[in-house]
């Protein structure tokens, strides 16, 4: 029997541990929410249900397109629903939240994430046609959030 080099063994263990760690919080979270919902007032139970619904939709939409083999396209295709999830969750704060600063942050999140969604959709459209002949084109690196 051929022995694996030490580094390969460590990498396999690390990947296995990361996979378990990645799956565990999501499973634990949904179970905890289902068990704890009844102890909250009805209005907050509605917030929890809507938040969980929006997060589940975001995760489903992020994984829906699958991988294409192009990291740039896959990144954008997954980030668009991720940002839409942030918009949806921020809207729930505007509906259910009371704190004026949290509500202001939610409004800013909605505005900035919508601008980024538009930029990512435009860039995805360009990249879906093949290699970009003008990689310095739209959207400009400083066009969505300002100069870095």
N, C-alpha and C. Protein backbone atom coordinates (compact mmCIF):
# COMPACT_ATOMS: atom_id res chain seq x y z
N UNK A 1 0.85 -1.19 0.00
CA UNK A 1 0.00 0.00 0.00
C UNK A 1 0.88 1.24 0.00
N UNK A 2 0.59 2.15 -0.90
CA UNK A 2 1.37 3.37 -1.01
C UNK A 2 0.90 4.37 0.04
N UNK A 3 1.86 5.00 0.71
CA UNK A 3 1.52 5.98 1.75
C UNK A 3 1.40 7.36 1.13
N UNK A 4 0.44 8.11 1.61
CA UNK A 4 0.29 9.50 1.18
C UNK A 4 1.37 10.36 1.82
N UNK A 5 1.88 11.31 1.09
CA UNK A 5 2.80 12.25 1.73
C UNK A 5 2.07 12.98 2.86
N UNK A 6 2.81 13.40 3.85
CA UNK A 6 2.24 14.04 5.03
C UNK A 6 1.37 15.23 4.65
N UNK A 7 1.85 16.07 3.73
CA UNK A 7 1.10 17.28 3.37
C UNK A 7 -0.25 16.91 2.74
N UNK A 8 -0.30 15.85 1.93
CA UNK A 8 -1.56 15.43 1.32
C UNK A 8 -2.53 14.96 2.40
N UNK A 9 -2.00 14.24 3.39
CA UNK A 9 -2.82 13.76 4.49
C UNK A 9 -3.41 14.94 5.27
N UNK A 10 -2.59 15.94 5.56
CA UNK A 10 -3.04 17.12 6.30
C UNK A 10 -4.09 17.88 5.50
N UNK A 11 -3.86 18.02 4.20
CA UNK A 11 -4.83 18.71 3.35
C UNK A 11 -6.17 17.98 3.32
N UNK A 12 -6.13 16.66 3.25
CA UNK A 12 -7.37 15.89 3.25
C UNK A 12 -8.12 16.06 4.56
N UNK A 13 -7.40 16.02 5.67
CA UNK A 13 -8.04 16.22 6.97
C UNK A 13 -8.62 17.62 7.08
N UNK A 14 -7.87 18.62 6.60
CA UNK A 14 -8.35 20.00 6.66
C UNK A 14 -9.59 20.19 5.83
N UNK A 15 -9.61 19.62 4.63
CA UNK A 15 -10.78 19.75 3.76
C UNK A 15 -11.99 19.09 4.40
N UNK A 16 -11.79 17.93 5.00
CA UNK A 16 -12.88 17.23 5.66
C UNK A 16 -13.42 18.05 6.84
N UNK A 17 -12.51 18.60 7.63
CA UNK A 17 -12.92 19.41 8.79
C UNK A 17 -13.67 20.66 8.35
N UNK A 18 -13.18 21.30 7.27
CA UNK A 18 -13.85 22.50 6.77
C UNK A 18 -15.24 22.18 6.25
N UNK A 19 -15.38 21.05 5.57
CA UNK A 19 -16.69 20.67 5.05
C UNK A 19 -17.68 20.44 6.19
N UNK A 20 -17.23 19.76 7.24
CA UNK A 20 -18.10 19.54 8.40
C UNK A 20 -18.44 20.85 9.09
N UNK A 21 -17.43 21.72 9.25
CA UNK A 21 -17.64 23.01 9.91
C UNK A 21 -18.59 23.86 9.09
N UNK A 22 -18.48 23.82 7.77
CA UNK A 22 -19.33 24.60 6.89
C UNK A 22 -20.78 24.15 6.98
N UNK A 23 -21.00 22.85 7.02
CA UNK A 23 -22.36 22.34 7.04
C UNK A 23 -23.01 22.51 8.41
N UNK A 24 -22.26 22.39 9.44
CA UNK A 24 -22.82 22.39 10.80
C UNK A 24 -23.54 23.68 11.18
N UNK A 25 -22.97 24.87 10.95
CA UNK A 25 -23.67 26.08 11.39
C UNK A 25 -25.03 26.26 10.73
N UNK A 26 -25.13 25.91 9.44
CA UNK A 26 -26.39 26.10 8.74
C UNK A 26 -27.45 25.16 9.30
N UNK A 27 -27.07 23.90 9.50
CA UNK A 27 -28.03 22.95 10.04
C UNK A 27 -28.42 23.34 11.46
N UNK A 28 -27.47 23.72 12.27
CA UNK A 28 -27.75 24.09 13.65
C UNK A 28 -28.62 25.34 13.71
N UNK A 29 -28.33 26.31 12.85
CA UNK A 29 -29.09 27.56 12.88
C UNK A 29 -30.56 27.30 12.56
N UNK A 30 -30.84 26.58 11.49
CA UNK A 30 -32.23 26.39 11.12
C UNK A 30 -32.97 25.58 12.17
N UNK A 31 -32.30 24.59 12.76
CA UNK A 31 -32.95 23.82 13.82
C UNK A 31 -33.23 24.71 15.03
N UNK A 32 -32.28 25.56 15.39
CA UNK A 32 -32.46 26.42 16.56
C UNK A 32 -33.61 27.40 16.33
N UNK A 33 -33.70 27.95 15.14
CA UNK A 33 -34.77 28.91 14.85
C UNK A 33 -36.11 28.22 14.91
N UNK A 34 -36.22 27.02 14.34
CA UNK A 34 -37.49 26.30 14.37
C UNK A 34 -37.92 26.01 15.81
N UNK A 35 -36.98 25.68 16.65
CA UNK A 35 -37.31 25.36 18.03
C UNK A 35 -37.65 26.60 18.85
N UNK A 36 -37.02 27.73 18.58
CA UNK A 36 -37.14 28.91 19.43
C UNK A 36 -38.22 29.90 18.97
N UNK A 37 -38.76 29.75 17.80
CA UNK A 37 -39.68 30.74 17.24
C UNK A 37 -40.88 31.00 18.14
N UNK A 38 -41.43 29.99 18.73
CA UNK A 38 -42.66 30.15 19.50
C UNK A 38 -42.49 31.02 20.75
N UNK A 39 -41.28 31.22 21.19
CA UNK A 39 -41.11 32.02 22.41
C UNK A 39 -41.12 33.53 22.12
N UNK A 40 -41.18 33.90 20.84
CA UNK A 40 -41.19 35.32 20.47
C UNK A 40 -42.61 35.78 20.18
N UNK A 41 -42.85 37.09 20.29
CA UNK A 41 -44.16 37.64 19.92
C UNK A 41 -44.46 37.35 18.44
N UNK A 42 -45.73 37.30 18.10
CA UNK A 42 -46.16 36.94 16.74
C UNK A 42 -45.51 37.82 15.67
N UNK A 43 -45.40 39.13 15.92
CA UNK A 43 -44.81 40.02 14.92
C UNK A 43 -43.35 39.66 14.66
N UNK A 44 -42.61 39.30 15.70
CA UNK A 44 -41.22 38.92 15.52
C UNK A 44 -41.11 37.54 14.87
N UNK A 45 -42.06 36.66 15.14
CA UNK A 45 -42.09 35.36 14.46
C UNK A 45 -42.22 35.57 12.96
N UNK A 46 -43.00 36.55 12.58
CA UNK A 46 -43.16 36.88 11.15
C UNK A 46 -41.81 37.33 10.57
N UNK A 47 -41.10 38.19 11.30
CA UNK A 47 -39.78 38.64 10.87
C UNK A 47 -38.85 37.45 10.68
N UNK A 48 -38.84 36.53 11.63
CA UNK A 48 -37.98 35.35 11.55
C UNK A 48 -38.32 34.53 10.32
N UNK A 49 -39.60 34.27 10.11
CA UNK A 49 -40.02 33.47 8.94
C UNK A 49 -39.59 34.16 7.64
N UNK A 50 -39.79 35.48 7.55
CA UNK A 50 -39.44 36.21 6.34
C UNK A 50 -37.92 36.25 6.15
N UNK A 51 -37.18 36.43 7.23
CA UNK A 51 -35.72 36.44 7.14
C UNK A 51 -35.21 35.08 6.68
N UNK A 52 -35.72 34.01 7.30
CA UNK A 52 -35.31 32.66 6.91
C UNK A 52 -35.67 32.38 5.45
N UNK A 53 -36.86 32.81 5.03
CA UNK A 53 -37.28 32.62 3.64
C UNK A 53 -36.31 33.32 2.69
N UNK A 54 -35.97 34.58 3.01
CA UNK A 54 -35.08 35.34 2.14
C UNK A 54 -33.67 34.76 2.11
N UNK A 55 -33.20 34.28 3.25
CA UNK A 55 -31.86 33.68 3.29
C UNK A 55 -31.84 32.36 2.51
N UNK A 56 -32.91 31.57 2.64
CA UNK A 56 -32.98 30.31 1.89
C UNK A 56 -33.03 30.58 0.39
N UNK A 57 -33.81 31.58 -0.01
CA UNK A 57 -33.88 31.95 -1.43
C UNK A 57 -32.51 32.39 -1.93
N UNK A 58 -31.82 33.21 -1.14
CA UNK A 58 -30.49 33.68 -1.53
C UNK A 58 -29.55 32.50 -1.75
N UNK A 59 -29.53 31.56 -0.81
CA UNK A 59 -28.63 30.42 -0.93
C UNK A 59 -28.99 29.56 -2.15
N UNK A 60 -30.28 29.34 -2.38
CA UNK A 60 -30.72 28.56 -3.54
C UNK A 60 -30.32 29.27 -4.83
N UNK A 61 -30.59 30.57 -4.89
CA UNK A 61 -30.27 31.34 -6.10
C UNK A 61 -28.76 31.42 -6.34
N UNK A 62 -27.98 31.49 -5.27
CA UNK A 62 -26.53 31.55 -5.43
C UNK A 62 -25.99 30.28 -6.08
N UNK A 63 -26.56 29.14 -5.74
CA UNK A 63 -26.05 27.87 -6.24
C UNK A 63 -26.77 27.40 -7.50
N UNK A 64 -27.83 28.07 -7.88
CA UNK A 64 -28.64 27.64 -9.02
C UNK A 64 -27.87 27.57 -10.34
N UNK A 65 -27.09 28.60 -10.69
CA UNK A 65 -26.47 28.54 -12.02
C UNK A 65 -25.42 27.44 -12.16
N UNK A 66 -24.87 26.96 -11.05
CA UNK A 66 -23.80 25.97 -11.15
C UNK A 66 -22.51 26.65 -11.59
N UNK A 67 -21.49 25.86 -11.75
CA UNK A 67 -20.19 26.41 -12.14
C UNK A 67 -19.98 26.27 -13.63
N UNK A 68 -19.31 27.26 -14.20
CA UNK A 68 -19.05 27.28 -15.63
C UNK A 68 -17.61 26.96 -15.98
N UNK A 69 -16.74 27.02 -15.00
CA UNK A 69 -15.32 26.86 -15.27
C UNK A 69 -14.63 28.20 -15.44
N UNK A 70 -15.39 29.28 -15.34
CA UNK A 70 -14.84 30.62 -15.44
C UNK A 70 -15.06 31.30 -14.08
N UNK A 71 -13.99 31.51 -13.34
CA UNK A 71 -14.11 32.05 -11.98
C UNK A 71 -14.78 33.42 -11.97
N UNK A 72 -14.50 34.25 -12.95
CA UNK A 72 -15.09 35.58 -12.98
C UNK A 72 -16.60 35.51 -13.17
N UNK A 73 -17.04 34.69 -14.12
CA UNK A 73 -18.47 34.52 -14.39
C UNK A 73 -19.17 33.90 -13.19
N UNK A 74 -18.55 32.85 -12.64
CA UNK A 74 -19.16 32.17 -11.49
C UNK A 74 -19.26 33.09 -10.28
N UNK A 75 -18.22 33.87 -10.04
CA UNK A 75 -18.23 34.84 -8.94
C UNK A 75 -19.39 35.81 -9.10
N UNK A 76 -19.51 36.41 -10.27
CA UNK A 76 -20.57 37.39 -10.49
C UNK A 76 -21.95 36.75 -10.40
N UNK A 77 -22.09 35.56 -10.99
CA UNK A 77 -23.39 34.87 -10.98
C UNK A 77 -23.83 34.54 -9.55
N UNK A 78 -22.88 34.28 -8.67
CA UNK A 78 -23.24 33.96 -7.29
C UNK A 78 -23.37 35.23 -6.44
N UNK A 79 -22.61 36.26 -6.75
CA UNK A 79 -22.67 37.48 -5.95
C UNK A 79 -23.94 38.28 -6.21
N UNK A 80 -24.51 38.18 -7.38
CA UNK A 80 -25.75 38.92 -7.67
C UNK A 80 -26.86 38.50 -6.70
N UNK A 81 -27.16 37.20 -6.57
CA UNK A 81 -28.19 36.84 -5.60
C UNK A 81 -27.76 37.09 -4.15
N UNK A 82 -26.46 37.04 -3.89
CA UNK A 82 -25.97 37.34 -2.55
C UNK A 82 -26.31 38.79 -2.20
N UNK A 83 -26.04 39.71 -3.13
CA UNK A 83 -26.35 41.12 -2.89
C UNK A 83 -27.86 41.35 -2.85
N UNK A 84 -28.61 40.60 -3.69
CA UNK A 84 -30.08 40.73 -3.65
C UNK A 84 -30.59 40.26 -2.29
N UNK A 85 -29.96 39.25 -1.73
CA UNK A 85 -30.33 38.79 -0.39
C UNK A 85 -30.13 39.89 0.64
N UNK A 86 -29.04 40.65 0.51
CA UNK A 86 -28.80 41.77 1.43
C UNK A 86 -29.89 42.82 1.27
N UNK A 87 -30.31 43.08 0.04
CA UNK A 87 -31.39 44.05 -0.21
C UNK A 87 -32.68 43.55 0.43
N UNK A 88 -33.00 42.28 0.22
CA UNK A 88 -34.23 41.72 0.78
C UNK A 88 -34.23 41.78 2.31
N UNK A 89 -33.08 41.45 2.91
CA UNK A 89 -33.00 41.49 4.37
C UNK A 89 -33.07 42.91 4.90
N UNK A 90 -32.47 43.84 4.19
CA UNK A 90 -32.53 45.25 4.61
C UNK A 90 -33.97 45.76 4.53
N UNK A 91 -34.71 45.33 3.54
CA UNK A 91 -36.12 45.73 3.44
C UNK A 91 -36.91 45.23 4.64
N UNK A 92 -36.56 44.04 5.12
CA UNK A 92 -37.26 43.52 6.30
C UNK A 92 -36.99 44.39 7.53
N UNK A 93 -35.80 44.96 7.61
CA UNK A 93 -35.51 45.88 8.72
C UNK A 93 -36.37 47.13 8.59
N UNK A 94 -36.57 47.60 7.37
CA UNK A 94 -37.43 48.77 7.17
C UNK A 94 -38.88 48.47 7.53
N UNK A 95 -39.30 47.24 7.34
CA UNK A 95 -40.66 46.85 7.69
C UNK A 95 -40.81 46.61 9.19
N UNK A 96 -39.86 45.89 9.77
CA UNK A 96 -40.01 45.43 11.14
C UNK A 96 -39.16 46.19 12.17
N UNK A 97 -38.11 46.83 11.74
CA UNK A 97 -37.19 47.46 12.68
C UNK A 97 -37.69 48.81 13.19
N UNK A 98 -37.14 49.23 14.31
CA UNK A 98 -37.53 50.49 14.93
C UNK A 98 -36.37 51.48 15.07
N UNK A 99 -35.15 50.96 15.19
CA UNK A 99 -34.00 51.82 15.46
C UNK A 99 -33.69 52.69 14.24
N UNK A 100 -33.66 54.02 14.41
CA UNK A 100 -33.44 54.91 13.27
C UNK A 100 -32.08 54.68 12.59
N UNK A 101 -31.04 54.37 13.34
CA UNK A 101 -29.73 54.14 12.72
C UNK A 101 -29.68 52.82 11.98
N UNK A 102 -30.31 51.79 12.51
CA UNK A 102 -30.37 50.51 11.80
C UNK A 102 -31.16 50.68 10.50
N UNK A 103 -32.24 51.45 10.58
CA UNK A 103 -33.05 51.71 9.39
C UNK A 103 -32.27 52.51 8.35
N UNK A 104 -31.48 53.49 8.81
CA UNK A 104 -30.65 54.27 7.89
C UNK A 104 -29.61 53.37 7.22
N UNK A 105 -28.99 52.50 8.00
CA UNK A 105 -28.03 51.56 7.42
C UNK A 105 -28.71 50.66 6.39
N UNK A 106 -29.92 50.22 6.70
CA UNK A 106 -30.67 49.38 5.76
C UNK A 106 -30.93 50.13 4.45
N UNK A 107 -31.30 51.39 4.55
CA UNK A 107 -31.52 52.19 3.34
C UNK A 107 -30.24 52.33 2.53
N UNK A 108 -29.12 52.55 3.20
CA UNK A 108 -27.83 52.67 2.51
C UNK A 108 -27.42 51.34 1.89
N UNK A 109 -27.69 50.24 2.57
CA UNK A 109 -27.39 48.92 2.02
C UNK A 109 -28.20 48.68 0.77
N UNK A 110 -29.48 49.01 0.81
CA UNK A 110 -30.33 48.83 -0.37
C UNK A 110 -29.78 49.61 -1.55
N UNK A 111 -29.46 50.88 -1.34
CA UNK A 111 -28.96 51.72 -2.43
C UNK A 111 -27.63 51.19 -2.98
N UNK A 112 -26.68 50.89 -2.09
CA UNK A 112 -25.36 50.46 -2.56
C UNK A 112 -25.41 49.08 -3.20
N UNK A 113 -26.18 48.17 -2.62
CA UNK A 113 -26.24 46.81 -3.17
C UNK A 113 -26.94 46.80 -4.53
N UNK A 114 -27.97 47.65 -4.69
CA UNK A 114 -28.64 47.72 -5.99
C UNK A 114 -27.70 48.26 -7.06
N UNK A 115 -26.88 49.25 -6.70
CA UNK A 115 -25.90 49.77 -7.66
C UNK A 115 -24.88 48.68 -8.02
N UNK A 116 -24.45 47.92 -7.04
CA UNK A 116 -23.49 46.85 -7.31
C UNK A 116 -24.12 45.73 -8.13
N UNK A 117 -25.39 45.42 -7.87
CA UNK A 117 -26.08 44.40 -8.67
C UNK A 117 -26.13 44.82 -10.13
N UNK A 118 -26.45 46.08 -10.38
CA UNK A 118 -26.49 46.58 -11.76
C UNK A 118 -25.11 46.45 -12.41
N UNK A 119 -24.06 46.81 -11.69
CA UNK A 119 -22.71 46.73 -12.23
C UNK A 119 -22.32 45.28 -12.49
N UNK A 120 -22.66 44.39 -11.57
CA UNK A 120 -22.30 42.98 -11.76
C UNK A 120 -23.06 42.36 -12.92
N UNK A 121 -24.34 42.71 -13.08
CA UNK A 121 -25.11 42.19 -14.21
C UNK A 121 -24.53 42.68 -15.53
N UNK A 122 -24.14 43.95 -15.56
CA UNK A 122 -23.54 44.49 -16.78
C UNK A 122 -22.22 43.80 -17.09
N UNK A 123 -21.40 43.58 -16.06
CA UNK A 123 -20.11 42.91 -16.27
C UNK A 123 -20.32 41.46 -16.67
N UNK A 124 -21.28 40.78 -16.06
CA UNK A 124 -21.59 39.40 -16.40
C UNK A 124 -22.04 39.31 -17.85
N UNK A 125 -22.83 40.26 -18.28
CA UNK A 125 -23.27 40.30 -19.67
C UNK A 125 -22.08 40.41 -20.62
N UNK A 126 -21.14 41.26 -20.27
CA UNK A 126 -19.93 41.42 -21.10
C UNK A 126 -19.14 40.11 -21.12
N UNK A 127 -18.91 39.53 -19.96
CA UNK A 127 -18.08 38.32 -19.88
C UNK A 127 -18.76 37.10 -20.47
N UNK A 128 -20.09 37.09 -20.51
CA UNK A 128 -20.80 35.94 -21.06
C UNK A 128 -20.60 35.82 -22.57
N UNK A 129 -20.11 36.88 -23.18
CA UNK A 129 -19.85 36.88 -24.63
C UNK A 129 -18.43 36.44 -24.95
N UNK A 130 -17.64 36.13 -23.92
CA UNK A 130 -16.26 35.70 -24.14
C UNK A 130 -15.29 36.66 -23.49
N UNK A 131 -14.05 36.55 -23.88
CA UNK A 131 -13.01 37.42 -23.31
C UNK A 131 -13.34 38.88 -23.61
N UNK A 132 -13.11 39.73 -22.64
CA UNK A 132 -13.43 41.15 -22.77
C UNK A 132 -12.28 41.87 -23.46
N UNK A 133 -12.54 42.45 -24.63
CA UNK A 133 -11.47 43.16 -25.34
C UNK A 133 -11.06 44.48 -24.66
N UNK A 134 -11.90 44.99 -23.77
CA UNK A 134 -11.61 46.25 -23.08
C UNK A 134 -11.76 46.04 -21.57
N UNK A 135 -10.80 45.33 -20.95
CA UNK A 135 -10.96 45.03 -19.53
C UNK A 135 -10.95 46.27 -18.63
N UNK A 136 -10.59 47.42 -19.15
CA UNK A 136 -10.65 48.65 -18.37
C UNK A 136 -11.99 49.34 -18.51
N UNK A 137 -12.92 48.69 -19.17
CA UNK A 137 -14.23 49.29 -19.43
C UNK A 137 -15.18 49.16 -18.27
N UNK A 138 -16.47 49.06 -18.59
CA UNK A 138 -17.53 49.09 -17.59
C UNK A 138 -17.58 47.81 -16.80
N UNK A 139 -17.88 47.85 -15.52
CA UNK A 139 -17.88 49.06 -14.70
C UNK A 139 -16.46 49.41 -14.28
N UNK A 140 -16.20 50.68 -14.16
CA UNK A 140 -14.88 51.14 -13.72
C UNK A 140 -14.65 50.68 -12.29
N UNK A 141 -13.40 50.39 -11.95
CA UNK A 141 -13.09 49.91 -10.61
C UNK A 141 -13.55 50.87 -9.53
N UNK A 142 -13.52 52.14 -9.81
CA UNK A 142 -13.96 53.11 -8.81
C UNK A 142 -15.38 53.60 -9.07
N UNK A 143 -16.08 52.96 -9.99
CA UNK A 143 -17.40 53.44 -10.38
C UNK A 143 -18.54 53.06 -9.48
N UNK A 144 -18.36 52.02 -8.67
CA UNK A 144 -19.46 51.57 -7.85
C UNK A 144 -19.35 52.09 -6.42
N UNK A 145 -18.14 52.03 -5.87
CA UNK A 145 -17.98 52.40 -4.45
C UNK A 145 -16.97 53.50 -4.24
N UNK A 146 -16.48 54.11 -5.27
CA UNK A 146 -15.49 55.16 -5.09
C UNK A 146 -14.07 54.62 -5.21
N UNK A 147 -13.12 55.48 -5.09
CA UNK A 147 -11.71 55.12 -5.25
C UNK A 147 -11.23 54.27 -4.09
N UNK A 148 -10.48 53.21 -4.40
CA UNK A 148 -9.92 52.33 -3.36
C UNK A 148 -8.54 52.77 -2.97
